[in-house]
């Protein structure tokens, strides 16, 4: 999937500095963050829609796009 050059220049240095596995504490943090991922993503999408709506109402903004929700796409002439 990647060449030896990439491994030598990037991955080996990363693994040397961080280790090849997560610490138990970091694994626990990732697990806890997954519990609220759905809620955070829903809020993120809602906020993006609000920003697109706001931008679509501004006279100085000529284009506001929030793909793939076409209701937020607005072309101003």
N, C-alpha and C. Protein backbone atom coordinates (compact mmCIF):
# COMPACT_ATOMS: atom_id res chain seq x y z
N UNK A 1 0.80 -1.19 0.00
CA UNK A 1 0.00 0.00 0.00
C UNK A 1 0.85 1.26 0.00
N UNK A 2 2.04 1.20 0.55
CA UNK A 2 2.94 2.35 0.51
C UNK A 2 4.35 1.84 0.29
N UNK A 3 5.18 2.70 -0.22
CA UNK A 3 6.55 2.32 -0.53
C UNK A 3 7.45 2.35 0.69
N UNK A 4 8.60 1.71 0.55
CA UNK A 4 9.58 1.68 1.62
C UNK A 4 10.06 3.08 1.97
N UNK A 5 10.12 3.97 0.96
CA UNK A 5 10.54 5.35 1.22
C UNK A 5 9.61 6.03 2.22
N UNK A 6 8.29 5.83 2.05
CA UNK A 6 7.32 6.42 2.98
C UNK A 6 7.53 5.87 4.38
N UNK A 7 7.71 4.56 4.48
CA UNK A 7 7.92 3.96 5.79
C UNK A 7 9.17 4.51 6.46
N UNK A 8 10.25 4.61 5.69
CA UNK A 8 11.50 5.08 6.26
C UNK A 8 11.41 6.54 6.69
N UNK A 9 10.74 7.38 5.90
CA UNK A 9 10.71 8.82 6.17
C UNK A 9 9.66 9.22 7.20
N UNK A 10 8.56 8.50 7.28
CA UNK A 10 7.44 8.94 8.12
C UNK A 10 7.07 7.96 9.22
N UNK A 11 6.72 6.76 8.84
CA UNK A 11 6.14 5.83 9.80
C UNK A 11 7.16 5.36 10.84
N UNK A 12 8.36 5.04 10.42
CA UNK A 12 9.36 4.56 11.38
C UNK A 12 9.66 5.60 12.44
N UNK A 13 9.78 6.86 12.05
CA UNK A 13 10.02 7.93 13.03
C UNK A 13 8.84 8.06 13.99
N UNK A 14 7.61 7.99 13.45
CA UNK A 14 6.42 8.07 14.30
C UNK A 14 6.40 6.92 15.30
N UNK A 15 6.63 5.70 14.82
CA UNK A 15 6.59 4.55 15.71
C UNK A 15 7.71 4.61 16.75
N UNK A 16 8.86 5.12 16.37
CA UNK A 16 9.96 5.24 17.33
C UNK A 16 9.59 6.22 18.44
N UNK A 17 8.89 7.29 18.10
CA UNK A 17 8.54 8.32 19.09
C UNK A 17 7.31 7.98 19.91
N UNK A 18 6.38 7.22 19.34
CA UNK A 18 5.11 6.98 20.03
C UNK A 18 4.89 5.53 20.45
N UNK A 19 5.56 4.61 19.82
CA UNK A 19 5.35 3.20 20.10
C UNK A 19 4.34 2.62 19.13
N UNK A 20 4.37 1.31 18.92
CA UNK A 20 3.51 0.70 17.91
C UNK A 20 2.06 0.49 18.35
N UNK A 21 1.76 0.66 19.62
CA UNK A 21 0.40 0.44 20.11
C UNK A 21 -0.04 1.60 20.99
N UNK A 22 -1.35 1.72 21.18
CA UNK A 22 -1.89 2.73 22.08
C UNK A 22 -1.64 2.34 23.53
N UNK A 23 -1.47 3.34 24.33
CA UNK A 23 -1.41 3.06 25.77
C UNK A 23 -2.82 2.73 26.24
N UNK A 24 -2.95 2.04 27.35
CA UNK A 24 -4.30 1.73 27.85
C UNK A 24 -5.15 2.98 28.06
N UNK A 25 -4.54 4.06 28.56
CA UNK A 25 -5.29 5.28 28.79
C UNK A 25 -5.78 5.89 27.47
N UNK A 26 -4.90 5.95 26.46
CA UNK A 26 -5.31 6.50 25.16
C UNK A 26 -6.39 5.63 24.51
N UNK A 27 -6.29 4.32 24.66
CA UNK A 27 -7.32 3.43 24.12
C UNK A 27 -8.66 3.70 24.82
N UNK A 28 -8.63 3.92 26.11
CA UNK A 28 -9.85 4.23 26.86
C UNK A 28 -10.45 5.55 26.40
N UNK A 29 -9.59 6.57 26.18
CA UNK A 29 -10.08 7.86 25.70
C UNK A 29 -10.77 7.72 24.34
N UNK A 30 -10.17 6.96 23.43
CA UNK A 30 -10.79 6.75 22.12
C UNK A 30 -12.12 6.03 22.26
N UNK A 31 -12.17 5.04 23.12
CA UNK A 31 -13.41 4.30 23.33
C UNK A 31 -14.51 5.21 23.89
N UNK A 32 -14.15 6.06 24.85
CA UNK A 32 -15.14 6.97 25.43
C UNK A 32 -15.62 7.98 24.38
N UNK A 33 -14.74 8.44 23.51
CA UNK A 33 -15.15 9.42 22.51
C UNK A 33 -16.09 8.80 21.48
N UNK A 34 -15.99 7.51 21.25
CA UNK A 34 -16.89 6.85 20.30
C UNK A 34 -18.33 6.82 20.82
N UNK A 35 -18.49 6.85 22.13
CA UNK A 35 -19.83 6.80 22.71
C UNK A 35 -20.65 8.02 22.34
N UNK A 36 -20.02 9.16 22.15
CA UNK A 36 -20.75 10.39 21.83
C UNK A 36 -20.55 10.84 20.39
N UNK A 37 -19.91 10.01 19.56
CA UNK A 37 -19.62 10.40 18.19
C UNK A 37 -20.89 10.73 17.41
N UNK A 38 -21.92 9.90 17.52
CA UNK A 38 -23.16 10.14 16.77
C UNK A 38 -23.78 11.48 17.15
N UNK A 39 -23.84 11.76 18.43
CA UNK A 39 -24.41 13.03 18.91
C UNK A 39 -23.59 14.21 18.40
N UNK A 40 -22.25 14.10 18.47
CA UNK A 40 -21.40 15.20 18.03
C UNK A 40 -21.51 15.42 16.52
N UNK A 41 -21.63 14.35 15.74
CA UNK A 41 -21.74 14.50 14.29
C UNK A 41 -23.08 15.11 13.89
N UNK A 42 -24.16 14.72 14.58
CA UNK A 42 -25.46 15.33 14.31
C UNK A 42 -25.42 16.84 14.57
N UNK A 43 -24.81 17.23 15.68
CA UNK A 43 -24.70 18.64 16.01
C UNK A 43 -23.82 19.37 15.01
N UNK A 44 -22.75 18.73 14.59
CA UNK A 44 -21.84 19.32 13.60
C UNK A 44 -22.58 19.58 12.29
N UNK A 45 -23.37 18.62 11.83
CA UNK A 45 -24.13 18.79 10.59
C UNK A 45 -25.19 19.88 10.73
N UNK A 46 -25.84 19.93 11.88
CA UNK A 46 -26.84 20.97 12.12
C UNK A 46 -26.19 22.35 12.10
N UNK A 47 -25.04 22.48 12.73
CA UNK A 47 -24.34 23.75 12.74
C UNK A 47 -23.89 24.16 11.34
N UNK A 48 -23.42 23.20 10.55
CA UNK A 48 -23.01 23.50 9.18
C UNK A 48 -24.20 23.99 8.36
N UNK A 49 -25.36 23.41 8.58
CA UNK A 49 -26.57 23.87 7.89
C UNK A 49 -26.94 25.28 8.28
N UNK A 50 -26.80 25.59 9.55
CA UNK A 50 -27.11 26.96 10.00
C UNK A 50 -26.14 27.97 9.40
N UNK A 51 -24.88 27.60 9.32
CA UNK A 51 -23.89 28.50 8.71
C UNK A 51 -24.21 28.70 7.24
N UNK A 52 -24.57 27.62 6.52
CA UNK A 52 -24.92 27.73 5.11
C UNK A 52 -26.16 28.60 4.92
N UNK A 53 -27.16 28.44 5.78
CA UNK A 53 -28.34 29.29 5.71
C UNK A 53 -27.99 30.76 5.93
N UNK A 54 -27.17 31.02 6.94
CA UNK A 54 -26.75 32.39 7.23
C UNK A 54 -26.01 32.98 6.05
N UNK A 55 -25.07 32.24 5.50
CA UNK A 55 -24.30 32.75 4.37
C UNK A 55 -25.18 32.96 3.15
N UNK A 56 -26.17 32.09 2.97
CA UNK A 56 -27.07 32.23 1.84
C UNK A 56 -27.95 33.47 1.91
N UNK A 57 -28.10 34.04 3.08
CA UNK A 57 -28.93 35.23 3.26
C UNK A 57 -28.12 36.52 3.19
N UNK A 58 -26.81 36.42 3.11
CA UNK A 58 -25.97 37.61 3.08
C UNK A 58 -25.87 38.16 1.66
N UNK A 59 -26.02 39.45 1.52
CA UNK A 59 -25.99 40.07 0.20
C UNK A 59 -24.62 40.00 -0.44
N UNK A 60 -23.57 40.03 0.35
CA UNK A 60 -22.22 40.00 -0.20
C UNK A 60 -21.75 38.61 -0.59
N UNK A 61 -22.48 37.59 -0.16
CA UNK A 61 -22.12 36.21 -0.50
C UNK A 61 -22.82 35.84 -1.80
N UNK A 62 -22.02 35.40 -2.77
CA UNK A 62 -22.60 35.06 -4.08
C UNK A 62 -22.94 33.59 -4.19
N UNK A 63 -22.39 32.74 -3.31
CA UNK A 63 -22.66 31.31 -3.40
C UNK A 63 -22.46 30.68 -2.03
N UNK A 64 -23.41 29.87 -1.60
CA UNK A 64 -23.30 29.10 -0.36
C UNK A 64 -23.66 27.67 -0.69
N UNK A 65 -22.80 26.73 -0.33
CA UNK A 65 -23.00 25.33 -0.69
C UNK A 65 -22.74 24.44 0.51
N UNK A 66 -23.68 23.58 0.81
CA UNK A 66 -23.52 22.61 1.88
C UNK A 66 -23.92 21.25 1.32
N UNK A 67 -23.01 20.62 0.62
CA UNK A 67 -23.28 19.31 0.01
C UNK A 67 -23.43 18.26 1.08
N UNK A 68 -24.19 17.21 0.86
CA UNK A 68 -25.04 16.94 -0.29
C UNK A 68 -26.47 17.44 -0.11
N UNK A 69 -26.70 18.25 0.87
CA UNK A 69 -28.04 18.75 1.14
C UNK A 69 -28.35 19.90 0.18
N UNK A 70 -29.11 19.64 -0.85
CA UNK A 70 -29.35 20.65 -1.88
C UNK A 70 -30.24 21.78 -1.38
N UNK A 71 -30.92 21.60 -0.28
CA UNK A 71 -31.76 22.69 0.20
C UNK A 71 -30.90 23.86 0.68
N UNK A 72 -29.63 23.62 0.95
CA UNK A 72 -28.73 24.67 1.37
C UNK A 72 -28.00 25.32 0.20
N UNK A 73 -28.12 24.73 -0.99
CA UNK A 73 -27.42 25.29 -2.14
C UNK A 73 -28.19 26.50 -2.64
N UNK A 74 -27.51 27.59 -2.77
CA UNK A 74 -28.20 28.80 -3.20
C UNK A 74 -27.27 29.59 -4.12
N UNK A 75 -27.75 29.87 -5.31
CA UNK A 75 -27.01 30.70 -6.25
C UNK A 75 -27.67 32.07 -6.27
N UNK A 76 -26.91 33.08 -6.07
CA UNK A 76 -27.43 34.44 -6.09
C UNK A 76 -26.94 35.12 -7.35
N UNK A 77 -27.83 35.90 -8.00
CA UNK A 77 -27.40 36.60 -9.21
C UNK A 77 -27.07 38.03 -8.97
